[in-house]
Amino acid sequence: MRSPVLVHCSSNAAESTAEPKPNDDEENEDDDDDKKAFERLEQYIELNRGSWSGTFTQYDCLGKVLACIPIKLRANVYGKGEHLALYQTLCVKQAESSTSFSGDAEDVQWLEFNLADLDSVTINQRHRVGYFGDEKAYCLSHLTAKVLDVVLRAGVLGENDDEEQDYFPGVKLPCRRPALVNESCMFSASGNSRVRAFHVLNPQGLLDMIGVFHENKDGEAPESMRNDCTGLDRLVGVWSGRAVTQRTGMYGSTIAEEYLDFRVDMNDKSEITQTISSSSSSNSEAGATNKQTNLTVKGMASGNLVRFTDGLQSTLLPGGMCITAPISVGNCVKKSRSFFLEFAWIESPNQRRRIIRTYDTTGVVVSTTLCNESKQI
């Protein structure tokens, strides 16, 4: 749903300015930042390593299930220091051949893909990861949607696949040159189960498809969340909690915290009103300062889709999940406005987490925010 992040982000892209030569203190600060970034990357890699199994579910932007495919994933760590890397092998249950008999165990095949050939994370790409170690959550920017493409080709098309062809009746493949591909992941408290949600935006800046991996570690059967009914009534109410923001890349590596009250109301006409109140404090040489912000946004619900007057849309998914994105990123760029992608998950009736990645008008990541909220009863 509507995030408070944009309230605190500049509406214009950062201007290029000449920077003075850093002094010794600034160089030491840069070294400390690099060390912390490297430590976070090590933690991120350690959290993801191991054997995972579960399913990949593809949704359209209206929340309709298009495909559900069994998958397995092995993640191993190689190298040390600057050469540290996470390499993953993905196994996809191949779709049954049209000539096979249903239920014949011998016909079940798993196709194996080396994700290092498609997309890997090393120390040189650490800016692509927004990681929250204490909360076991992260965002990751992908260069392409090839991982999702191979899952769908193997799991839906199987032997009927033609790699040179992009269109198949009844099958939705991600575009070859997406504008943005963002992965948001949240782990359970034990770290042995996780949900990974993908936003894929097409070259026109529209939400092209949604993909969700439900996985458990070490071969345990994952909890099924696809059949769990998700309705707006689970969102209605007041959610209170804390948001932690990490600014990244050219925008620095500062961390900010704020406290939130997020109220959602809905009338009998399916009209939605969201009221967001946030407060933050900081200390400086000038003394302590407090900042409070209030924002109200209205929208209309239709089925699993909610469209807001500020140009955002939220897609409700089974299992208490929700994907939020601009209706059109192109409109944000034309207005020189930053934009964000959000994945929200109601893990239990009264507990919700939201992970938000904010971009500038050129598609550069500005920050990643994690919100932990409890529903007031």
Protein backbone atom coordinates (compact mmCIF):
# COMPACT_ATOMS: atom_id res chain seq x y z
CA MET A 1 0.00 0.00 0.00
CA ARG A 2 1.03 3.67 -0.05
CA SER A 3 4.50 4.16 1.40
CA PRO A 4 5.72 7.12 3.45
CA VAL A 5 9.08 6.97 1.72
CA LEU A 6 8.20 9.41 -1.04
CA VAL A 7 7.34 12.05 1.50
CA HIS A 8 11.00 12.26 2.46
CA CYS A 9 12.62 11.83 -0.98
CA SER A 10 13.40 14.69 -3.32
CA SER A 11 11.05 14.89 -6.29
CA ASN A 12 13.97 15.65 -8.59
CA ALA A 13 16.90 13.53 -9.70
CA ALA A 14 20.18 14.32 -7.97
CA GLU A 15 22.20 17.05 -9.67
CA SER A 16 25.81 16.42 -10.60
CA THR A 17 28.16 18.70 -8.67
CA ALA A 18 31.92 18.94 -8.36
CA GLU A 19 33.08 17.35 -5.12
CA PRO A 20 36.07 18.60 -3.11
CA LYS A 21 39.01 16.29 -2.54
CA PRO A 22 38.21 14.18 0.54
CA ASN A 23 40.29 14.69 3.67
CA ASP A 24 41.66 11.90 5.87
CA ASP A 25 38.52 11.77 8.02
CA GLU A 26 36.32 11.41 4.95
CA GLU A 27 38.55 8.66 3.57
CA ASN A 28 38.32 6.81 6.90
CA GLU A 29 34.54 7.13 6.79
CA ASP A 30 34.53 5.71 3.26
CA ASP A 31 36.67 2.78 4.45
CA ASP A 32 34.24 2.14 7.31
CA ASP A 33 31.29 2.26 4.89
CA ASP A 34 33.01 -0.22 2.56
CA LYS A 35 33.74 -2.54 5.48
CA LYS A 36 30.14 -2.44 6.68
CA ALA A 37 28.86 -3.01 3.14
CA PHE A 38 31.14 -6.02 2.78
CA GLU A 39 30.00 -7.44 6.13
CA ARG A 40 26.37 -7.07 5.07
CA LEU A 41 27.10 -8.85 1.80
CA GLU A 42 28.74 -11.72 3.71
CA GLN A 43 25.66 -12.00 5.94
CA TYR A 44 23.37 -11.87 2.91
CA ILE A 45 25.27 -14.68 1.20
CA GLU A 46 25.33 -16.83 4.35
CA LEU A 47 21.56 -16.42 4.82
CA ASN A 48 20.86 -17.56 1.25
CA ARG A 49 23.27 -20.50 1.03
CA GLY A 50 21.99 -24.07 1.25
CA SER A 51 19.34 -26.20 -0.46
CA TRP A 52 15.85 -24.78 -0.97
CA SER A 53 12.68 -26.32 -2.39
CA GLY A 54 9.22 -24.99 -3.09
CA THR A 55 7.18 -23.43 -5.86
CA PHE A 56 7.20 -20.47 -8.22
CA THR A 57 3.82 -18.83 -8.82
CA GLN A 58 3.25 -16.38 -11.65
CA TYR A 59 0.51 -13.73 -11.40
CA ASP A 60 -0.72 -11.08 -13.78
CA CYS A 61 -1.08 -7.48 -12.59
CA LEU A 62 -4.69 -8.22 -11.55
CA GLY A 63 -3.60 -10.98 -9.18
CA LYS A 64 -4.74 -13.90 -11.36
CA VAL A 65 -2.61 -17.07 -11.09
CA LEU A 66 -1.07 -17.88 -14.47
CA ALA A 67 1.27 -20.73 -13.50
CA CYS A 68 2.53 -22.66 -10.46
CA ILE A 69 5.77 -24.63 -10.91
CA PRO A 70 7.76 -26.83 -8.46
CA ILE A 71 11.38 -25.72 -8.11
CA LYS A 72 14.58 -26.55 -6.21
CA LEU A 73 17.54 -24.26 -5.58
CA ARG A 74 21.10 -24.93 -4.40
CA ALA A 75 23.17 -21.94 -3.30
CA ASN A 76 26.91 -22.27 -2.67
CA VAL A 77 29.59 -19.78 -1.66
CA TYR A 78 32.89 -19.52 -3.51
CA GLY A 79 35.98 -17.39 -3.00
CA LYS A 80 37.09 -15.07 -0.22
CA GLY A 81 37.43 -11.34 0.29
CA GLU A 82 36.89 -9.36 -2.89
CA HIS A 83 36.37 -12.62 -4.79
CA LEU A 84 33.47 -13.77 -2.60
CA ALA A 85 30.45 -14.81 -4.65
CA LEU A 86 27.15 -16.65 -4.31
CA TYR A 87 26.48 -19.16 -7.08
CA GLN A 88 23.08 -20.79 -7.42
CA THR A 89 21.79 -23.80 -9.33
CA LEU A 90 18.07 -23.81 -10.13
CA CYS A 91 16.15 -27.01 -10.85
CA VAL A 92 12.72 -26.71 -12.46
CA LYS A 93 10.19 -29.52 -12.76
CA GLN A 94 9.65 -29.86 -16.49
CA ALA A 95 6.12 -29.69 -17.84
CA GLU A 96 4.73 -33.08 -18.87
CA SER A 97 5.24 -34.05 -22.48
CA SER A 98 2.10 -34.28 -24.59
CA THR A 99 3.08 -37.90 -25.32
CA SER A 100 3.55 -38.98 -21.69
CA PHE A 101 0.95 -40.54 -19.43
CA SER A 102 -0.08 -38.46 -16.44
CA GLY A 103 1.27 -39.78 -13.15
CA ASP A 104 4.13 -41.78 -14.66
CA ALA A 105 6.99 -41.10 -12.22
CA GLU A 106 9.60 -42.02 -14.81
CA ASP A 107 8.46 -39.13 -16.99
CA VAL A 108 9.11 -36.53 -14.28
CA GLN A 109 12.24 -34.58 -15.21
CA TRP A 110 14.02 -31.71 -13.50
CA LEU A 111 15.88 -29.28 -15.73
CA GLU A 112 18.97 -27.68 -14.20
CA PHE A 113 20.20 -24.12 -14.78
CA ASN A 114 23.32 -22.39 -13.52
CA LEU A 115 22.17 -18.96 -12.39
CA ALA A 116 25.72 -17.63 -12.59
CA ASP A 117 25.22 -17.68 -16.35
CA LEU A 118 22.09 -15.57 -15.93
CA ASP A 119 22.56 -13.32 -12.93
CA SER A 120 24.96 -13.60 -9.96
CA VAL A 121 25.88 -11.39 -7.02
CA THR A 122 29.52 -10.64 -6.17
CA ILE A 123 31.27 -8.01 -4.09
CA ASN A 124 31.41 -5.75 -7.15
CA GLN A 125 27.61 -5.77 -7.40
CA ARG A 126 26.90 -5.20 -3.70
CA HIS A 127 25.16 -1.90 -4.53
CA ARG A 128 22.36 -4.01 -6.03
CA VAL A 129 21.48 -5.44 -2.60
CA GLY A 130 19.53 -3.64 0.13
CA TYR A 131 19.99 -5.97 3.10
CA PHE A 132 18.47 -5.91 6.61
CA GLY A 133 20.38 -8.55 8.56
CA ASP A 134 18.53 -8.35 11.87
CA GLU A 135 15.18 -8.68 10.10
CA LYS A 136 16.31 -11.29 7.54
CA ALA A 137 15.02 -9.32 4.57
CA TYR A 138 16.49 -7.84 1.41
CA CYS A 139 15.86 -6.22 -1.96
CA LEU A 140 17.92 -7.13 -5.02
CA SER A 141 18.00 -5.41 -8.41
CA HIS A 142 18.30 -7.83 -11.33
CA LEU A 143 19.70 -6.87 -14.71
CA THR A 144 17.23 -9.07 -16.60
CA ALA A 145 14.24 -11.36 -16.04
CA LYS A 146 16.08 -14.41 -17.44
CA VAL A 147 15.65 -16.40 -14.22
CA LEU A 148 11.87 -16.11 -14.44
CA ASP A 149 11.99 -16.78 -18.17
CA VAL A 150 13.79 -20.13 -17.78
CA VAL A 151 11.42 -21.21 -14.98
CA LEU A 152 8.37 -20.55 -17.15
CA ARG A 153 9.83 -22.08 -20.31
CA ALA A 154 10.81 -25.27 -18.49
CA GLY A 155 7.84 -25.50 -16.13
CA VAL A 156 5.04 -24.51 -18.52
CA LEU A 157 6.30 -25.19 -22.05
CA GLY A 158 8.71 -28.07 -21.38
CA GLU A 159 9.63 -29.88 -24.58
CA ASN A 160 7.36 -27.57 -26.55
CA ASP A 161 9.67 -24.63 -25.90
CA ASP A 162 11.33 -22.77 -28.75
CA GLU A 163 13.99 -20.45 -27.33
CA GLU A 164 13.77 -18.19 -30.37
CA GLN A 165 10.06 -17.63 -29.83
CA ASP A 166 8.67 -15.17 -27.28
CA TYR A 167 4.94 -15.72 -27.73
CA PHE A 168 3.01 -18.89 -26.97
CA PRO A 169 -0.81 -19.06 -26.70
CA GLY A 170 -1.88 -19.03 -23.07
CA VAL A 171 1.66 -18.45 -21.73
CA LYS A 172 2.95 -15.12 -20.41
CA LEU A 173 6.73 -14.78 -20.64
CA PRO A 174 8.58 -11.75 -19.21
CA CYS A 175 9.84 -9.24 -21.76
CA ARG A 176 13.44 -9.70 -22.88
CA ARG A 177 14.44 -6.10 -22.12
CA PRO A 178 12.54 -5.07 -18.97
CA ALA A 179 12.89 -1.56 -17.63
CA LEU A 180 13.26 -2.83 -14.05
CA VAL A 181 13.35 -6.19 -12.29
CA ASN A 182 13.25 -6.06 -8.50
CA GLU A 183 13.31 -8.97 -6.06
CA SER A 184 12.02 -8.50 -2.50
CA CYS A 185 12.65 -11.30 0.00
CA MET A 186 11.51 -11.90 3.56
CA PHE A 187 12.66 -14.85 5.67
CA SER A 188 10.96 -16.44 8.64
CA ALA A 189 12.47 -15.80 12.07
CA SER A 190 14.34 -19.13 11.90
CA GLY A 191 15.68 -18.36 8.42
CA ASN A 192 14.45 -21.75 7.16
CA SER A 193 11.58 -20.49 5.01
CA ARG A 194 11.20 -17.44 2.79
CA VAL A 195 9.03 -15.62 0.28
CA ARG A 196 10.65 -13.91 -2.73
CA ALA A 197 8.49 -11.56 -4.80
CA PHE A 198 9.46 -10.11 -8.19
CA HIS A 199 8.26 -6.90 -9.84
CA VAL A 200 8.92 -6.94 -13.59
CA LEU A 201 8.33 -3.66 -15.44
CA ASN A 202 8.26 -3.60 -19.24
CA PRO A 203 10.12 -1.00 -21.39
CA GLN A 204 7.07 1.29 -21.20
CA GLY A 205 7.31 1.36 -17.40
CA LEU A 206 4.16 -0.72 -16.81
CA LEU A 207 3.91 -3.71 -14.47
CA ASP A 208 4.47 -6.65 -16.82
CA MET A 209 4.19 -9.57 -14.41
CA ILE A 210 4.51 -10.66 -10.78
CA GLY A 211 6.41 -13.74 -9.66
CA VAL A 212 6.55 -15.26 -6.15
CA PHE A 213 8.82 -18.05 -4.87
CA HIS A 214 7.68 -19.91 -1.72
CA GLU A 215 10.64 -21.91 -0.40
CA ASN A 216 11.79 -23.92 2.58
CA LYS A 217 15.34 -24.91 3.43
CA ASP A 218 16.80 -28.43 3.50
CA GLY A 219 13.90 -30.12 1.76
CA GLU A 220 11.16 -29.30 4.25
CA ALA A 221 7.69 -28.99 2.75
CA PRO A 222 6.89 -25.28 2.32
CA GLU A 223 3.76 -23.89 3.87
CA SER A 224 1.10 -23.35 1.22
CA MET A 225 -0.03 -19.76 0.99
CA ARG A 226 -1.48 -19.68 -2.51
CA ASN A 227 -4.90 -20.95 -1.46
CA ASP A 228 -5.20 -18.66 1.54
CA CYS A 229 -7.86 -16.09 0.71
CA THR A 230 -6.60 -12.53 0.74
CA GLY A 231 -9.13 -9.74 1.11
CA LEU A 232 -9.09 -6.04 1.83
CA ASP A 233 -10.64 -6.71 5.23
CA ARG A 234 -7.23 -7.97 6.39
CA LEU A 235 -5.71 -4.59 5.56
CA VAL A 236 -8.43 -2.39 7.04
CA GLY A 237 -7.49 -0.93 10.41
CA VAL A 238 -4.57 0.87 12.01
CA TRP A 239 -1.03 -0.49 11.65
CA SER A 240 1.70 0.96 13.86
CA GLY A 241 5.41 0.31 13.76
CA ARG A 242 8.87 1.39 12.72
CA ALA A 243 10.53 2.00 9.35
CA VAL A 244 14.29 1.74 8.77
CA THR A 245 15.71 3.26 5.58
CA GLN A 246 19.12 2.60 4.04
CA ARG A 247 20.15 5.09 1.39
CA THR A 248 22.40 3.50 -1.21
CA GLY A 249 24.80 4.10 -4.08
CA MET A 250 25.37 7.69 -5.14
CA TYR A 251 22.95 8.81 -2.41
CA GLY A 252 25.23 7.64 0.39
CA SER A 253 24.84 4.88 2.95
CA THR A 254 23.06 6.70 5.75
CA ILE A 255 20.39 5.03 7.85
CA ALA A 256 17.20 6.76 8.98
CA GLU A 257 14.41 5.60 11.28
CA GLU A 258 10.84 6.75 11.72
CA TYR A 259 7.70 5.65 13.51
CA LEU A 260 4.51 5.05 11.57
CA ASP A 261 0.77 4.97 12.02
CA PHE A 262 -0.83 3.58 8.86
CA ARG A 263 -4.65 3.72 8.81
CA VAL A 264 -6.73 1.99 6.12
CA ASP A 265 -10.48 2.64 5.84
CA MET A 266 -12.96 1.22 3.30
CA ASN A 267 -16.64 2.04 2.79
CA ASP A 268 -19.41 -0.09 1.27
CA LYS A 269 -18.56 1.28 -2.20
CA SER A 270 -15.03 -0.19 -2.03
CA GLU A 271 -13.53 3.27 -1.75
CA ILE A 272 -10.22 3.20 0.13
CA THR A 273 -8.72 5.95 2.29
CA GLN A 274 -5.17 5.63 3.59
CA THR A 275 -3.82 8.01 6.20
CA ILE A 276 -0.11 7.78 6.97
CA SER A 277 1.46 9.58 9.91
CA SER A 278 5.21 9.38 10.46
CA SER A 279 7.54 10.91 13.01
CA SER A 280 11.32 10.95 13.21
CA SER A 281 13.97 12.61 15.35
CA SER A 282 17.62 13.50 14.83
CA ASN A 283 20.45 15.12 16.75
CA SER A 284 22.89 17.65 15.33
CA GLU A 285 25.12 20.50 16.48
CA ALA A 286 22.07 22.73 16.35
CA GLY A 287 20.26 20.44 18.79
CA ALA A 288 17.57 17.80 18.65
CA THR A 289 14.88 18.10 15.98
CA ASN A 290 11.59 16.29 15.50
CA LYS A 291 9.80 15.90 12.19
CA GLN A 292 6.21 14.83 11.66
CA THR A 293 4.51 14.12 8.34
CA ASN A 294 0.90 13.32 7.49
CA LEU A 295 -0.38 12.06 4.15
CA THR A 296 -3.84 10.99 2.97
CA VAL A 297 -4.41 9.03 -0.24
CA LYS A 298 -7.68 7.77 -1.72
CA GLY A 299 -8.27 4.81 -4.00
CA MET A 300 -10.82 2.41 -5.45
CA ALA A 301 -10.81 -1.37 -5.09
CA SER A 302 -11.94 -3.73 -7.84
CA GLY A 303 -11.34 -7.41 -7.30
CA ASN A 304 -7.73 -7.88 -6.22
CA LEU A 305 -6.61 -4.51 -7.59
CA VAL A 306 -6.60 -1.15 -5.80
CA ARG A 307 -5.85 2.01 -7.79
CA PHE A 308 -4.96 5.23 -6.00
CA THR A 309 -5.39 8.82 -7.08
CA ASP A 310 -1.65 9.49 -6.71
CA GLY A 311 -0.82 7.10 -9.56
CA LEU A 312 -0.13 3.90 -7.60
CA GLN A 313 -1.74 0.48 -7.83
CA SER A 314 -1.69 -2.41 -5.35
CA THR A 315 -2.30 -6.04 -6.32
CA LEU A 316 -3.55 -8.30 -3.52
CA LEU A 317 -2.18 -11.83 -3.62
CA PRO A 318 -3.02 -14.99 -1.62
CA GLY A 319 -1.25 -15.51 1.68
CA GLY A 320 -1.57 -11.91 2.88
CA MET A 321 0.80 -10.58 0.22
CA CYS A 322 0.51 -7.31 -1.69
CA ILE A 323 2.53 -5.86 -4.58
CA THR A 324 2.54 -2.09 -5.12
CA ALA A 325 3.95 -0.21 -8.12
CA PRO A 326 3.26 2.96 -10.12
CA ILE A 327 0.49 2.60 -12.68
CA SER A 328 3.01 4.12 -15.10
CA VAL A 329 6.66 4.82 -14.27
CA GLY A 330 6.74 6.95 -17.43
CA ASN A 331 4.33 9.42 -15.86
CA CYS A 332 6.59 9.71 -12.80
CA VAL A 333 9.61 10.40 -15.00
CA LYS A 334 7.75 13.04 -17.00
CA LYS A 335 6.91 14.83 -13.74
CA SER A 336 10.51 14.46 -12.44
CA ARG A 337 9.24 12.39 -9.53
CA SER A 338 11.00 9.53 -7.80
CA PHE A 339 9.01 6.30 -7.54
CA PHE A 340 9.03 3.08 -5.54
CA LEU A 341 8.17 -0.62 -5.66
CA GLU A 342 6.78 -2.31 -2.55
CA PHE A 343 6.19 -5.85 -1.34
CA ALA A 344 4.01 -6.27 1.76
CA TRP A 345 3.35 -9.48 3.64
CA ILE A 346 0.86 -10.02 6.47
CA GLU A 347 2.71 -12.91 8.15
CA SER A 348 0.03 -13.33 10.83
CA PRO A 349 -3.33 -11.59 11.31
CA ASN A 350 -1.77 -8.77 13.34
CA GLN A 351 1.80 -8.62 12.00
CA ARG A 352 2.94 -7.11 8.71
CA ARG A 353 6.26 -6.35 7.05
CA ARG A 354 6.79 -4.13 4.02
CA ILE A 355 9.98 -3.75 2.01
CA ILE A 356 10.22 -0.74 -0.29
CA ARG A 357 12.80 0.19 -2.91
CA THR A 358 12.84 3.81 -4.09
CA TYR A 359 14.29 4.93 -7.44
CA ASP A 360 15.15 8.29 -8.98
CA THR A 361 13.93 9.32 -12.43
CA THR A 362 16.87 7.57 -14.13
CA GLY A 363 16.13 4.22 -12.48
CA VAL A 364 19.00 4.47 -9.98
CA VAL A 365 18.23 3.05 -6.52
CA VAL A 366 17.89 5.82 -3.93
CA SER A 367 17.06 3.75 -0.84
CA THR A 368 15.58 0.58 0.58
CA THR A 369 13.12 0.70 3.49
CA LEU A 370 11.85 -2.05 5.77
CA CYS A 371 8.68 -1.49 7.81
CA ASN A 372 7.65 -3.68 10.76
CA GLU A 373 4.05 -3.06 11.81
CA SER A 374 1.49 -4.44 14.25
CA LYS A 375 -2.26 -4.08 13.82
CA GLN A 376 -4.05 -2.31 16.63
CA ILE A 377 -6.93 -4.35 18.04
